[in-house]
């Protein structure tokens, strides 16, 4: 799945299409390597992005979640669950990143 990428990432993709294709293939293989699918898979990916503290990845997973018809409350629940694992400040940051996307109707 092609995404709108930041300038630097976009240049990397354009200049190294073979690497990007391999990366996409790896992502697909990882998604298909186990029993998780659909909503659960997307929520786990969102939680991993949150745990990594990656605003861009949280935005990406929230956008994908909305496109896949996850409710804003399902996405927010991930941030609430993060409070006891990542700490209150990080959970609030994750919630803010999710809200960036929810408030924009799932658009970047």
PDB file of N, CA and C in Angstrom:
ATOM      1  N   UNK A   1       0.854  -1.173   0.000  1.00  0.00           N
ATOM      2  CA  UNK A   1       0.000   0.000   0.000  1.00  0.00           C
ATOM      3  C   UNK A   1       0.897   1.231   0.000  1.00  0.00           C
ATOM      4  N   UNK A   2       0.745   2.076  -0.988  1.00  0.00           N
ATOM      5  CA  UNK A   2       1.540   3.296  -1.051  1.00  0.00           C
ATOM      6  C   UNK A   2       0.915   4.339  -0.138  1.00  0.00           C
ATOM      7  N   UNK A   3       1.744   5.107   0.514  1.00  0.00           N
ATOM      8  CA  UNK A   3       1.309   6.153   1.426  1.00  0.00           C
ATOM      9  C   UNK A   3       1.909   7.476   1.012  1.00  0.00           C
ATOM     10  N   UNK A   4       1.292   8.537   1.533  1.00  0.00           N
ATOM     11  CA  UNK A   4       1.912   9.846   1.394  1.00  0.00           C
ATOM     12  C   UNK A   4       3.060   9.861   2.395  1.00  0.00           C
ATOM     13  N   UNK A   5       4.241  10.070   1.904  1.00  0.00           N
ATOM     14  CA  UNK A   5       5.424  10.027   2.765  1.00  0.00           C
ATOM     15  C   UNK A   5       6.043  11.401   2.894  1.00  0.00           C
ATOM     16  N   UNK A   6       6.723  11.600   4.002  1.00  0.00           N
ATOM     17  CA  UNK A   6       7.455  12.851   4.212  1.00  0.00           C
ATOM     18  C   UNK A   6       8.489  12.999   3.104  1.00  0.00           C
ATOM     19  N   UNK A   7       8.928  14.217   2.861  1.00  0.00           N
ATOM     20  CA  UNK A   7       9.865  14.497   1.772  1.00  0.00           C
ATOM     21  C   UNK A   7      11.067  13.562   1.757  1.00  0.00           C
ATOM     22  N   UNK A   8      11.727  13.422   2.880  1.00  0.00           N
ATOM     23  CA  UNK A   8      12.936  12.599   2.928  1.00  0.00           C
ATOM     24  C   UNK A   8      12.609  11.137   2.638  1.00  0.00           C
ATOM     25  N   UNK A   9      11.563  10.620   3.270  1.00  0.00           N
ATOM     26  CA  UNK A   9      11.160   9.236   3.025  1.00  0.00           C
ATOM     27  C   UNK A   9      10.699   9.067   1.582  1.00  0.00           C
ATOM     28  N   UNK A  10       9.983  10.055   1.075  1.00  0.00           N
ATOM     29  CA  UNK A  10       9.535   9.998  -0.313  1.00  0.00           C
ATOM     30  C   UNK A  10      10.695   9.939  -1.292  1.00  0.00           C
ATOM     31  N   UNK A  11      11.733  10.703  -1.009  1.00  0.00           N
ATOM     32  CA  UNK A  11      12.933  10.663  -1.867  1.00  0.00           C
ATOM     33  C   UNK A  11      13.609   9.306  -1.788  1.00  0.00           C
ATOM     34  N   UNK A  12      13.697   8.772  -0.570  1.00  0.00           N
ATOM     35  CA  UNK A  12      14.311   7.459  -0.410  1.00  0.00           C
ATOM     36  C   UNK A  12      13.558   6.420  -1.238  1.00  0.00           C
ATOM     37  N   UNK A  13      12.242   6.468  -1.192  1.00  0.00           N
ATOM     38  CA  UNK A  13      11.419   5.525  -1.953  1.00  0.00           C
ATOM     39  C   UNK A  13      11.645   5.703  -3.454  1.00  0.00           C
ATOM     40  N   UNK A  14      11.651   6.945  -3.915  1.00  0.00           N
ATOM     41  CA  UNK A  14      11.818   7.198  -5.347  1.00  0.00           C
ATOM     42  C   UNK A  14      13.196   6.763  -5.830  1.00  0.00           C
ATOM     43  N   UNK A  15      14.198   6.964  -4.999  1.00  0.00           N
ATOM     44  CA  UNK A  15      15.566   6.647  -5.402  1.00  0.00           C
ATOM     45  C   UNK A  15      15.935   5.184  -5.178  1.00  0.00           C
ATOM     46  N   UNK A  16      15.122   4.473  -4.396  1.00  0.00           N
ATOM     47  CA  UNK A  16      15.424   3.078  -4.051  1.00  0.00           C
ATOM     48  C   UNK A  16      14.146   2.239  -4.081  1.00  0.00           C
ATOM     49  N   UNK A  17      13.486   2.236  -5.216  1.00  0.00           N
ATOM     50  CA  UNK A  17      12.196   1.558  -5.336  1.00  0.00           C
ATOM     51  C   UNK A  17      12.280   0.083  -4.966  1.00  0.00           C
ATOM     52  N   UNK A  18      13.394  -0.563  -5.267  1.00  0.00           N
ATOM     53  CA  UNK A  18      13.536  -1.983  -4.952  1.00  0.00           C
ATOM     54  C   UNK A  18      13.532  -2.213  -3.439  1.00  0.00           C
ATOM     55  N   UNK A  19      14.155  -1.316  -2.688  1.00  0.00           N
ATOM     56  CA  UNK A  19      14.159  -1.437  -1.228  1.00  0.00           C
ATOM     57  C   UNK A  19      12.749  -1.232  -0.688  1.00  0.00           C
ATOM     58  N   UNK A  20      12.047  -0.232  -1.200  1.00  0.00           N
ATOM     59  CA  UNK A  20      10.680   0.042  -0.749  1.00  0.00           C
ATOM     60  C   UNK A  20       9.757  -1.134  -1.036  1.00  0.00           C
ATOM     61  N   UNK A  21       9.872  -1.725  -2.220  1.00  0.00           N
ATOM     62  CA  UNK A  21       9.037  -2.887  -2.561  1.00  0.00           C
ATOM     63  C   UNK A  21       9.329  -4.048  -1.620  1.00  0.00           C
ATOM     64  N   UNK A  22      10.596  -4.279  -1.309  1.00  0.00           N
ATOM     65  CA  UNK A  22      10.966  -5.350  -0.389  1.00  0.00           C
ATOM     66  C   UNK A  22      10.416  -5.073   1.017  1.00  0.00           C
ATOM     67  N   UNK A  23      10.469  -3.818   1.421  1.00  0.00           N
ATOM     68  CA  UNK A  23       9.951  -3.421   2.732  1.00  0.00           C
ATOM     69  C   UNK A  23       8.448  -3.667   2.805  1.00  0.00           C
ATOM     70  N   UNK A  24       7.728  -3.289   1.755  1.00  0.00           N
ATOM     71  CA  UNK A  24       6.287  -3.524   1.714  1.00  0.00           C
ATOM     72  C   UNK A  24       5.977  -5.017   1.746  1.00  0.00           C
ATOM     73  N   UNK A  25       6.759  -5.798   1.043  1.00  0.00           N
ATOM     74  CA  UNK A  25       6.569  -7.247   1.012  1.00  0.00           C
ATOM     75  C   UNK A  25       6.804  -7.841   2.408  1.00  0.00           C
ATOM     76  N   UNK A  26       7.830  -7.351   3.109  1.00  0.00           N
ATOM     77  CA  UNK A  26       8.092  -7.796   4.469  1.00  0.00           C
ATOM     78  C   UNK A  26       6.908  -7.471   5.383  1.00  0.00           C
ATOM     79  N   UNK A  27       6.377  -6.269   5.272  1.00  0.00           N
ATOM     80  CA  UNK A  27       5.231  -5.873   6.088  1.00  0.00           C
ATOM     81  C   UNK A  27       4.032  -6.783   5.862  1.00  0.00           C
ATOM     82  N   UNK A  28       3.776  -7.106   4.613  1.00  0.00           N
ATOM     83  CA  UNK A  28       2.663  -7.999   4.269  1.00  0.00           C
ATOM     84  C   UNK A  28       2.908  -9.389   4.856  1.00  0.00           C
ATOM     85  N   UNK A  29       4.125  -9.901   4.714  1.00  0.00           N
ATOM     86  CA  UNK A  29       4.462 -11.229   5.238  1.00  0.00           C
ATOM     87  C   UNK A  29       4.309 -11.262   6.763  1.00  0.00           C
ATOM     88  N   UNK A  30       4.738 -10.210   7.436  1.00  0.00           N
ATOM     89  CA  UNK A  30       4.618 -10.150   8.900  1.00  0.00           C
ATOM     90  C   UNK A  30       3.146 -10.131   9.316  1.00  0.00           C
ATOM     91  N   UNK A  31       2.335  -9.383   8.599  1.00  0.00           N
ATOM     92  CA  UNK A  31       0.901  -9.314   8.906  1.00  0.00           C
ATOM     93  C   UNK A  31       0.218 -10.660   8.721  1.00  0.00           C
ATOM     94  N   UNK A  32       0.697 -11.430   7.763  1.00  0.00           N
ATOM     95  CA  UNK A  32       0.082 -12.714   7.446  1.00  0.00           C
ATOM     96  C   UNK A  32       0.727 -13.892   8.176  1.00  0.00           C
ATOM     97  N   UNK A  33       1.721 -13.633   9.018  1.00  0.00           N
ATOM     98  CA  UNK A  33       2.485 -14.697   9.673  1.00  0.00           C
ATOM     99  C   UNK A  33       1.781 -15.335  10.863  1.00  0.00           C
ATOM    100  N   UNK A  34       0.685 -14.779  11.297  1.00  0.00           N
ATOM    101  CA  UNK A  34      -0.002 -15.314  12.470  1.00  0.00           C
ATOM    102  C   UNK A  34      -1.498 -15.153  12.370  1.00  0.00           C
ATOM    103  N   UNK A  35      -2.191 -15.448  13.450  1.00  0.00           N
ATOM    104  CA  UNK A  35      -3.660 -15.471  13.411  1.00  0.00           C
ATOM    105  C   UNK A  35      -4.338 -14.106  13.542  1.00  0.00           C
ATOM    106  N   UNK A  36      -3.595 -13.061  13.884  1.00  0.00           N
ATOM    107  CA  UNK A  36      -4.235 -11.748  14.045  1.00  0.00           C
ATOM    108  C   UNK A  36      -4.651 -11.194  12.691  1.00  0.00           C
ATOM    109  N   UNK A  37      -5.792 -10.541  12.683  1.00  0.00           N
ATOM    110  CA  UNK A  37      -6.246  -9.916  11.444  1.00  0.00           C
ATOM    111  C   UNK A  37      -7.196  -8.775  11.766  1.00  0.00           C
ATOM    112  N   UNK A  38      -7.527  -8.042  10.736  1.00  0.00           N
ATOM    113  CA  UNK A  38      -8.528  -6.982  10.837  1.00  0.00           C
ATOM    114  C   UNK A  38      -8.296  -5.986  11.952  1.00  0.00           C
ATOM    115  N   UNK A  39      -9.353  -5.773  12.727  1.00  0.00           N
ATOM    116  CA  UNK A  39      -9.341  -4.774  13.788  1.00  0.00           C
ATOM    117  C   UNK A  39      -8.217  -5.030  14.793  1.00  0.00           C
ATOM    118  N   UNK A  40      -8.071  -6.288  15.185  1.00  0.00           N
ATOM    119  CA  UNK A  40      -7.058  -6.625  16.184  1.00  0.00           C
ATOM    120  C   UNK A  40      -5.672  -6.285  15.672  1.00  0.00           C
ATOM    121  N   UNK A  41      -5.397  -6.643  14.436  1.00  0.00           N
ATOM    122  CA  UNK A  41      -4.090  -6.362  13.839  1.00  0.00           C
ATOM    123  C   UNK A  41      -3.818  -4.864  13.831  1.00  0.00           C
ATOM    124  N   UNK A  42      -4.799  -4.068  13.422  1.00  0.00           N
ATOM    125  CA  UNK A  42      -4.616  -2.624  13.358  1.00  0.00           C
ATOM    126  C   UNK A  42      -4.403  -2.038  14.748  1.00  0.00           C
ATOM    127  N   UNK A  43      -5.156  -2.491  15.744  1.00  0.00           N
ATOM    128  CA  UNK A  43      -5.002  -1.967  17.103  1.00  0.00           C
ATOM    129  C   UNK A  43      -3.648  -2.344  17.695  1.00  0.00           C
ATOM    130  N   UNK A  44      -3.165  -3.542  17.392  1.00  0.00           N
ATOM    131  CA  UNK A  44      -1.833  -3.935  17.851  1.00  0.00           C
ATOM    132  C   UNK A  44      -0.778  -3.050  17.198  1.00  0.00           C
ATOM    133  N   UNK A  45      -0.911  -2.807  15.889  1.00  0.00           N
ATOM    134  CA  UNK A  45       0.050  -1.945  15.188  1.00  0.00           C
ATOM    135  C   UNK A  45       0.032  -0.526  15.787  1.00  0.00           C
ATOM    136  N   UNK A  46      -1.160  -0.037  16.127  1.00  0.00           N
ATOM    137  CA  UNK A  46      -1.267   1.275  16.762  1.00  0.00           C
ATOM    138  C   UNK A  46      -0.572   1.262  18.124  1.00  0.00           C
ATOM    139  N   UNK A  47      -0.769   0.206  18.886  1.00  0.00           N
ATOM    140  CA  UNK A  47      -0.128   0.110  20.195  1.00  0.00           C
ATOM    141  C   UNK A  47       1.398   0.040  20.064  1.00  0.00           C
ATOM    142  N   UNK A  48       1.890  -0.669  19.063  1.00  0.00           N
ATOM    143  CA  UNK A  48       3.331  -0.733  18.849  1.00  0.00           C
ATOM    144  C   UNK A  48       3.892   0.643  18.483  1.00  0.00           C
ATOM    145  N   UNK A  49       3.156   1.372  17.639  1.00  0.00           N
ATOM    146  CA  UNK A  49       3.575   2.728  17.278  1.00  0.00           C
ATOM    147  C   UNK A  49       3.605   3.625  18.509  1.00  0.00           C
ATOM    148  N   UNK A  50       2.590   3.464  19.358  1.00  0.00           N
ATOM    149  CA  UNK A  50       2.533   4.251  20.590  1.00  0.00           C
ATOM    150  C   UNK A  50       3.715   3.914  21.487  1.00  0.00           C
ATOM    151  N   UNK A  51       3.986   2.635  21.660  1.00  0.00           N
ATOM    152  CA  UNK A  51       5.095   2.208  22.509  1.00  0.00           C
ATOM    153  C   UNK A  51       6.441   2.699  22.009  1.00  0.00           C
ATOM    154  N   UNK A  52       6.557   2.799  20.685  1.00  0.00           N
ATOM    155  CA  UNK A  52       7.797   3.305  20.093  1.00  0.00           C
ATOM    156  C   UNK A  52       7.907   4.822  20.216  1.00  0.00           C
ATOM    157  N   UNK A  53       6.806   5.459  20.594  1.00  0.00           N
ATOM    158  CA  UNK A  53       6.811   6.918  20.712  1.00  0.00           C
ATOM    159  C   UNK A  53       6.921   7.616  19.380  1.00  0.00           C
ATOM    160  N   UNK A  54       6.402   6.976  18.330  1.00  0.00           N
ATOM    161  CA  UNK A  54       6.503   7.513  16.977  1.00  0.00           C
ATOM    162  C   UNK A  54       5.219   8.221  16.564  1.00  0.00           C
ATOM    163  N   UNK A  55       5.264   9.527  16.566  1.00  0.00           N
ATOM    164  CA  UNK A  55       4.083  10.311  16.180  1.00  0.00           C
ATOM    165  C   UNK A  55       3.641   9.971  14.762  1.00  0.00           C
ATOM    166  N   UNK A  56       4.589   9.885  13.840  1.00  0.00           N
ATOM    167  CA  UNK A  56       4.242   9.571  12.457  1.00  0.00           C
ATOM    168  C   UNK A  56       3.583   8.216  12.317  1.00  0.00           C
ATOM    169  N   UNK A  57       4.100   7.221  13.040  1.00  0.00           N
ATOM    170  CA  UNK A  57       3.515   5.882  12.970  1.00  0.00           C
ATOM    171  C   UNK A  57       2.144   5.846  13.628  1.00  0.00           C
ATOM    172  N   UNK A  58       1.958   6.575  14.730  1.00  0.00           N
ATOM    173  CA  UNK A  58       0.633   6.652  15.359  1.00  0.00           C
ATOM    174  C   UNK A  58      -0.348   7.307  14.393  1.00  0.00           C
ATOM    175  N   UNK A  59       0.065   8.396  13.757  1.00  0.00           N
ATOM    176  CA  UNK A  59      -0.799   9.041  12.762  1.00  0.00           C
ATOM    177  C   UNK A  59      -1.173   8.055  11.659  1.00  0.00           C
ATOM    178  N   UNK A  60      -0.181   7.343  11.145  1.00  0.00           N
ATOM    179  CA  UNK A  60      -0.415   6.393  10.054  1.00  0.00           C
ATOM    180  C   UNK A  60      -1.389   5.293  10.471  1.00  0.00           C
ATOM    181  N   UNK A  61      -1.160   4.716  11.639  1.00  0.00           N
ATOM    182  CA  UNK A  61      -2.035   3.628  12.086  1.00  0.00           C
ATOM    183  C   UNK A  61      -3.439   4.136  12.423  1.00  0.00           C
ATOM    184  N   UNK A  62      -3.550   5.330  12.953  1.00  0.00           N
ATOM    185  CA  UNK A  62      -4.874   5.915  13.229  1.00  0.00           C
ATOM    186  C   UNK A  62      -5.621   6.169  11.922  1.00  0.00           C
ATOM    187  N   UNK A  63      -4.920   6.701  10.915  1.00  0.00           N
ATOM    188  CA  UNK A  63      -5.550   6.918   9.605  1.00  0.00           C
ATOM    189  C   UNK A  63      -6.039   5.600   9.020  1.00  0.00           C
ATOM    190  N   UNK A  64      -5.182   4.601   9.077  1.00  0.00           N
ATOM    191  CA  UNK A  64      -5.560   3.286   8.543  1.00  0.00           C
ATOM    192  C   UNK A  64      -6.731   2.704   9.329  1.00  0.00           C
ATOM    193  N   UNK A  65      -6.705   2.884  10.643  1.00  0.00           N
ATOM    194  CA  UNK A  65      -7.811   2.396  11.460  1.00  0.00           C
ATOM    195  C   UNK A  65      -9.128   3.033  11.078  1.00  0.00           C
ATOM    196  N   UNK A  66      -9.124   4.330  10.890  1.00  0.00           N
ATOM    197  CA  UNK A  66     -10.354   5.015  10.478  1.00  0.00           C
ATOM    198  C   UNK A  66     -10.801   4.525   9.105  1.00  0.00           C
ATOM    199  N   UNK A  67      -9.854   4.366   8.193  1.00  0.00           N
ATOM    200  CA  UNK A  67     -10.189   3.859   6.852  1.00  0.00           C
ATOM    201  C   UNK A  67     -10.774   2.447   6.921  1.00  0.00           C
ATOM    202  N   UNK A  68     -10.349   1.686   7.921  1.00  0.00           N
ATOM    203  CA  UNK A  68     -10.835   0.318   8.102  1.00  0.00           C
ATOM    204  C   UNK A  68     -12.048   0.263   9.026  1.00  0.00           C
ATOM    205  N   UNK A  69     -12.630   1.427   9.304  1.00  0.00           N
ATOM    206  CA  UNK A  69     -13.861   1.579  10.076  1.00  0.00           C
ATOM    207  C   UNK A  69     -13.741   1.261  11.566  1.00  0.00           C
ATOM    208  N   UNK A  70     -12.552   1.463  12.123  1.00  0.00           N
ATOM    209  CA  UNK A  70     -12.441   1.416  13.573  1.00  0.00           C
ATOM    210  C   UNK A  70     -13.013   2.719  14.101  1.00  0.00           C
ATOM    211  N   UNK A  71     -13.647   2.650  15.251  1.00  0.00           N
ATOM    212  CA  UNK A  71     -14.238   3.866  15.817  1.00  0.00           C
ATOM    213  C   UNK A  71     -13.155   4.696  16.507  1.00  0.00           C
ATOM    214  N   UNK A  72     -13.380   6.003  16.602  1.00  0.00           N
ATOM    215  CA  UNK A  72     -12.453   6.832  17.360  1.00  0.00           C
ATOM    216  C   UNK A  72     -12.267   6.329  18.791  1.00  0.00           C
ATOM    217  N   UNK A  73     -13.338   5.795  19.397  1.00  0.00           N
ATOM    218  CA  UNK A  73     -13.223   5.275  20.762  1.00  0.00           C
ATOM    219  C   UNK A  73     -12.315   4.055  20.830  1.00  0.00           C
ATOM    220  N   UNK A  74     -12.314   3.205  19.802  1.00  0.00           N
ATOM    221  CA  UNK A  74     -11.394   2.068  19.775  1.00  0.00           C
ATOM    222  C   UNK A  74      -9.951   2.547  19.716  1.00  0.00           C
ATOM    223  N   UNK A  75      -9.698   3.565  18.899  1.00  0.00           N
ATOM    224  CA  UNK A  75      -8.350   4.116  18.788  1.00  0.00           C
ATOM    225  C   UNK A  75      -7.919   4.761  20.104  1.00  0.00           C
ATOM    226  N   UNK A  76      -8.815   5.514  20.703  1.00  0.00           N
ATOM    227  CA  UNK A  76      -8.506   6.176  21.985  1.00  0.00           C
ATOM    228  C   UNK A  76      -8.217   5.159  23.082  1.00  0.00           C
ATOM    229  N   UNK A  77      -8.919   4.033  23.034  1.00  0.00           N
ATOM    230  CA  UNK A  77      -8.737   3.000  24.055  1.00  0.00           C
ATOM    231  C   UNK A  77      -7.282   2.548  24.121  1.00  0.00           C
ATOM    232  N   UNK A  78      -6.617   2.499  22.981  1.00  0.00           N
ATOM    233  CA  UNK A  78      -5.193   2.140  22.947  1.00  0.00           C
ATOM    234  C   UNK A  78      -4.392   3.136  23.783  1.00  0.00           C
ATOM    235  N   UNK A  79      -4.679   4.417  23.650  1.00  0.00           N
ATOM    236  CA  UNK A  79      -3.961   5.433  24.437  1.00  0.00           C
ATOM    237  C   UNK A  79      -4.252   5.267  25.926  1.00  0.00           C
ATOM    238  N   UNK A  80      -5.489   4.946  26.274  1.00  0.00           N
ATOM    239  CA  UNK A  80      -5.826   4.759  27.687  1.00  0.00           C
ATOM    240  C   UNK A  80      -5.075   3.555  28.261  1.00  0.00           C
ATOM    241  N   UNK A  81      -4.978   2.478  27.472  1.00  0.00           N
ATOM    242  CA  UNK A  81      -4.253   1.288  27.923  1.00  0.00           C
ATOM    243  C   UNK A  81      -2.766   1.574  28.098  1.00  0.00           C
ATOM    244  N   UNK A  82      -2.259   2.539  27.360  1.00  0.00           N
ATOM    245  CA  UNK A  82      -0.843   2.891  27.437  1.00  0.00           C
ATOM    246  C   UNK A  82      -0.474   3.573  28.749  1.00  0.00           C
ATOM    247  N   UNK A  83      -1.453   4.126  29.449  1.00  0.00           N
ATOM    248  CA  UNK A  83      -1.155   4.897  30.664  1.00  0.00           C
ATOM    249  C   UNK A  83      -0.364   4.104  31.688  1.00  0.00           C
ATOM    250  N   UNK A  84      -0.764   2.864  31.941  1.00  0.00           N
ATOM    251  CA  UNK A  84      -0.099   2.100  32.997  1.00  0.00           C
ATOM    252  C   UNK A  84       1.198   1.447  32.520  1.00  0.00           C
ATOM    253  N   UNK A  85       1.396   1.387  31.214  1.00  0.00           N
ATOM    254  CA  UNK A  85       2.613   0.780  30.677  1.00  0.00           C
ATOM    255  C   UNK A  85       3.650   1.824  30.301  1.00  0.00           C
ATOM    256  N   UNK A  86       3.213   2.863  29.589  1.00  0.00           N
ATOM    257  CA  UNK A  86       4.128   3.887  29.088  1.00  0.00           C
ATOM    258  C   UNK A  86       4.217   5.101  30.007  1.00  0.00           C
ATOM    259  N   UNK A  87       3.233   5.260  30.866  1.00  0.00           N
ATOM    260  CA  UNK A  87       3.179   6.423  31.740  1.00  0.00           C
ATOM    261  C   UNK A  87       2.176   7.448  31.232  1.00  0.00           C
ATOM    262  N   UNK A  88       1.679   8.241  32.149  1.00  0.00           N
ATOM    263  CA  UNK A  88       0.643   9.218  31.838  1.00  0.00           C
ATOM    264  C   UNK A  88       1.056  10.220  30.755  1.00  0.00           C
ATOM    265  N   UNK A  89       2.244  10.850  30.866  1.00  0.00           N
ATOM    266  CA  UNK A  89       2.612  11.841  29.844  1.00  0.00           C
ATOM    267  C   UNK A  89       2.683  11.249  28.420  1.00  0.00           C
ATOM    268  N   UNK A  90       3.247  10.053  28.301  1.00  0.00           N
ATOM    269  CA  UNK A  90       3.343   9.445  26.964  1.00  0.00           C
ATOM    270  C   UNK A  90       1.966   9.057  26.452  1.00  0.00           C
ATOM    271  N   UNK A  91       1.108   8.566  27.340  1.00  0.00           N
ATOM    272  CA  UNK A  91      -0.244   8.204  26.925  1.00  0.00           C
ATOM    273  C   UNK A  91      -1.012   9.439  26.445  1.00  0.00           C
ATOM    274  N   UNK A  92      -0.824  10.549  27.127  1.00  0.00           N
ATOM    275  CA  UNK A  92      -1.471  11.798  26.698  1.00  0.00           C
ATOM    276  C   UNK A  92      -0.936  12.223  25.326  1.00  0.00           C
ATOM    277  N   UNK A  93       0.364  12.072  25.110  1.00  0.00           N
ATOM    278  CA  UNK A  93       0.927  12.391  23.793  1.00  0.00           C
ATOM    279  C   UNK A  93       0.304  11.504  22.719  1.00  0.00           C
ATOM    280  N   UNK A  94       0.197  10.208  22.991  1.00  0.00           N
ATOM    281  CA  UNK A  94      -0.413   9.280  22.021  1.00  0.00           C
ATOM    282  C   UNK A  94      -1.855   9.673  21.756  1.00  0.00           C
ATOM    283  N   UNK A  95      -2.596   9.990  22.798  1.00  0.00           N
ATOM    284  CA  UNK A  95      -3.984  10.414  22.633  1.00  0.00           C
ATOM    285  C   UNK A  95      -4.063  11.673  21.768  1.00  0.00           C
ATOM    286  N   UNK A  96      -3.138  12.601  21.978  1.00  0.00           N
ATOM    287  CA  UNK A  96      -3.095  13.825  21.174  1.00  0.00           C
ATOM    288  C   UNK A  96      -2.845  13.490  19.704  1.00  0.00           C
ATOM    289  N   UNK A  97      -1.931  12.565  19.430  1.00  0.00           N
ATOM    290  CA  UNK A  97      -1.623  12.176  18.047  1.00  0.00           C
ATOM    291  C   UNK A  97      -2.819  11.499  17.397  1.00  0.00           C
ATOM    292  N   UNK A  98      -3.531  10.672  18.166  1.00  0.00           N
ATOM    293  CA  UNK A  98      -4.739  10.028  17.638  1.00  0.00           C
ATOM    294  C   UNK A  98      -5.782  11.092  17.325  1.00  0.00           C
ATOM    295  N   UNK A  99      -5.957  12.032  18.241  1.00  0.00           N
ATOM    296  CA  UNK A  99      -6.944  13.103  18.032  1.00  0.00           C
ATOM    297  C   UNK A  99      -6.600  13.962  16.810  1.00  0.00           C
ATOM    298  N   UNK A 100      -5.318  14.156  16.529  1.00  0.00           N
ATOM    299  CA  UNK A 100      -4.936  14.891  15.314  1.00  0.00           C
ATOM    300  C   UNK A 100      -5.633  14.305  14.088  1.00  0.00           C
ATOM    301  N   UNK A 101      -5.695  12.988  14.039  1.00  0.00           N
ATOM    302  CA  UNK A 101      -6.272  12.292  12.889  1.00  0.00           C
ATOM    303  C   UNK A 101      -7.792  12.215  12.997  1.00  0.00           C
ATOM    304  N   UNK A 102      -8.297  11.886  14.183  1.00  0.00           N
ATOM    305  CA  UNK A 102      -9.751  11.781  14.379  1.00  0.00           C
ATOM    306  C   UNK A 102     -10.425  13.108  14.052  1.00  0.00           C
ATOM    307  N   UNK A 103      -9.853  14.208  14.559  1.00  0.00           N
ATOM    308  CA  UNK A 103     -10.460  15.526  14.339  1.00  0.00           C
ATOM    309  C   UNK A 103     -10.407  15.945  12.881  1.00  0.00           C
ATOM    310  N   UNK A 104      -9.527  15.342  12.108  1.00  0.00           N
ATOM    311  CA  UNK A 104      -9.388  15.673  10.695  1.00  0.00           C
ATOM    312  C   UNK A 104     -10.100  14.653   9.810  1.00  0.00           C
ATOM    313  N   UNK A 105     -10.934  13.826  10.406  1.00  0.00           N
ATOM    314  CA  UNK A 105     -11.699  12.854   9.637  1.00  0.00           C
ATOM    315  C   UNK A 105     -10.855  11.772   8.991  1.00  0.00           C
ATOM    316  N   UNK A 106      -9.692  11.492   9.580  1.00  0.00           N
ATOM    317  CA  UNK A 106      -8.840  10.435   9.047  1.00  0.00           C
ATOM    318  C   UNK A 106      -7.917  10.870   7.937  1.00  0.00           C
ATOM    319  N   UNK A 107      -7.887  12.167   7.665  1.00  0.00           N
ATOM    320  CA  UNK A 107      -7.010  12.668   6.603  1.00  0.00           C
ATOM    321  C   UNK A 107      -5.694  13.145   7.208  1.00  0.00           C
ATOM    322  N   UNK A 108      -4.599  13.055   6.409  1.00  0.00           N
ATOM    323  CA  UNK A 108      -3.294  13.511   6.909  1.00  0.00           C
ATOM    324  C   UNK A 108      -3.277  15.004   7.204  1.00  0.00           C
TER     325      UNK A 108
END
